[in-house]
Protein backbone atom coordinates (compact mmCIF):
# COMPACT_ATOMS: atom_id res chain seq x y z
CA MET A 1 93.95 99.17 88.84
CA LYS A 2 91.74 102.01 90.06
CA ILE A 3 90.55 102.62 93.60
CA PRO A 4 87.72 105.14 94.01
CA VAL A 5 88.59 107.25 97.06
CA PRO A 6 86.28 109.91 98.53
CA LYS A 7 87.86 113.29 97.84
CA ASN A 8 87.70 114.23 101.52
CA LEU A 9 89.76 111.18 102.50
CA ILE A 10 92.39 111.03 99.76
CA ARG A 11 94.70 113.38 101.64
CA LYS A 12 94.65 111.04 104.65
CA LEU A 13 95.23 107.98 102.49
CA VAL A 14 98.10 109.53 100.54
CA GLY A 15 99.68 111.00 103.69
CA TYR A 16 101.65 114.17 104.21
CA LYS A 17 103.93 114.70 101.19
CA GLU A 18 102.79 111.31 99.82
CA LYS A 19 104.41 109.53 102.75
CA SER A 20 102.24 106.43 102.40
CA LEU A 21 102.69 106.18 98.64
CA GLN A 22 106.44 106.83 98.79
CA TYR A 23 106.78 103.84 101.12
CA PHE A 24 105.41 101.56 98.39
CA ARG A 25 107.34 103.29 95.58
CA LEU A 26 110.70 103.02 97.33
CA ASN A 27 110.22 99.60 98.91
CA PRO A 28 112.03 96.97 96.80
CA ARG A 29 109.34 94.38 97.66
CA TYR A 30 106.76 96.31 95.63
CA ASN A 31 107.15 97.34 92.02
CA VAL A 32 104.34 99.92 91.81
CA ASP A 33 103.67 103.54 90.97
CA PHE A 34 100.64 105.75 91.53
CA TYR A 35 98.66 108.45 89.79
CA TYR A 36 95.92 110.63 91.21
CA ASP A 37 94.58 114.10 90.58
CA GLU A 38 96.64 116.39 92.81
CA LYS A 39 94.00 119.12 92.47
CA VAL A 40 91.88 117.36 95.12
CA LEU A 41 94.56 117.85 97.79
CA VAL A 42 93.05 121.14 98.93
CA ASP A 43 91.34 122.32 102.09
CA GLU A 44 87.92 122.31 100.49
CA ILE A 45 85.15 120.08 101.78
CA PHE A 46 83.54 117.75 99.24
CA ASN A 47 80.46 115.57 99.44
CA MET A 48 81.26 112.06 100.64
CA ASN A 49 79.89 110.59 97.41
CA GLU A 50 82.41 112.59 95.30
CA CYS A 51 85.33 110.32 94.52
CA ALA A 52 88.73 110.68 92.92
CA ASP A 53 90.52 107.73 91.34
CA LEU A 54 93.80 106.50 92.72
CA LYS A 55 95.44 104.54 89.90
CA ILE A 56 98.04 101.91 90.70
CA PHE A 57 100.48 100.70 88.03
CA GLY A 58 103.10 98.00 88.12
CA LYS A 59 103.62 94.27 88.35
CA LYS A 60 100.28 92.47 88.66
CA SER A 61 100.94 90.61 91.92
CA ASP A 62 102.42 93.73 93.54
CA VAL A 63 99.49 95.87 92.39
CA ILE A 64 97.04 93.43 93.97
CA LYS A 65 98.97 93.37 97.28
CA VAL A 66 99.25 97.17 97.47
CA THR A 67 95.62 97.63 96.45
CA ASN A 68 94.48 95.35 99.26
CA ILE A 69 96.67 97.19 101.78
CA LEU A 70 95.37 100.59 100.65
CA LEU A 71 91.74 99.42 100.69
CA HIS A 72 92.21 98.20 104.25
CA ARG A 73 93.73 101.57 105.26
CA LEU A 74 90.91 103.41 103.52
CA GLU A 75 88.35 101.37 105.44
CA GLN A 76 90.09 102.27 108.71
CA ILE A 77 90.08 105.96 107.76
CA LYS A 78 86.38 105.79 106.92
CA MET A 79 85.59 104.15 110.26
CA LYS A 80 87.54 106.82 112.18
CA SER A 81 85.77 109.57 110.21
CA ILE A 82 82.36 108.09 111.02
CA LEU A 83 83.22 107.85 114.72
CA ILE A 84 84.32 111.49 114.82
């Protein structure tokens, strides 16, 4: 499954040293793995309409659960960014 993430926010979603993604990879409750373009993890500023795909692989039910969690986190990040 693919989640389009604004390039400016992917670093916040992934977390420092992939902390957020490692939680799902190493947690035995979720059987998932991720792929994204690591070239977007730079200090450049992109337009908010420029997106990078975060691809989630694994067992179907786990992929759906993790996708929903990440979409919720992304929405929170977007709201905080708008408020700032």
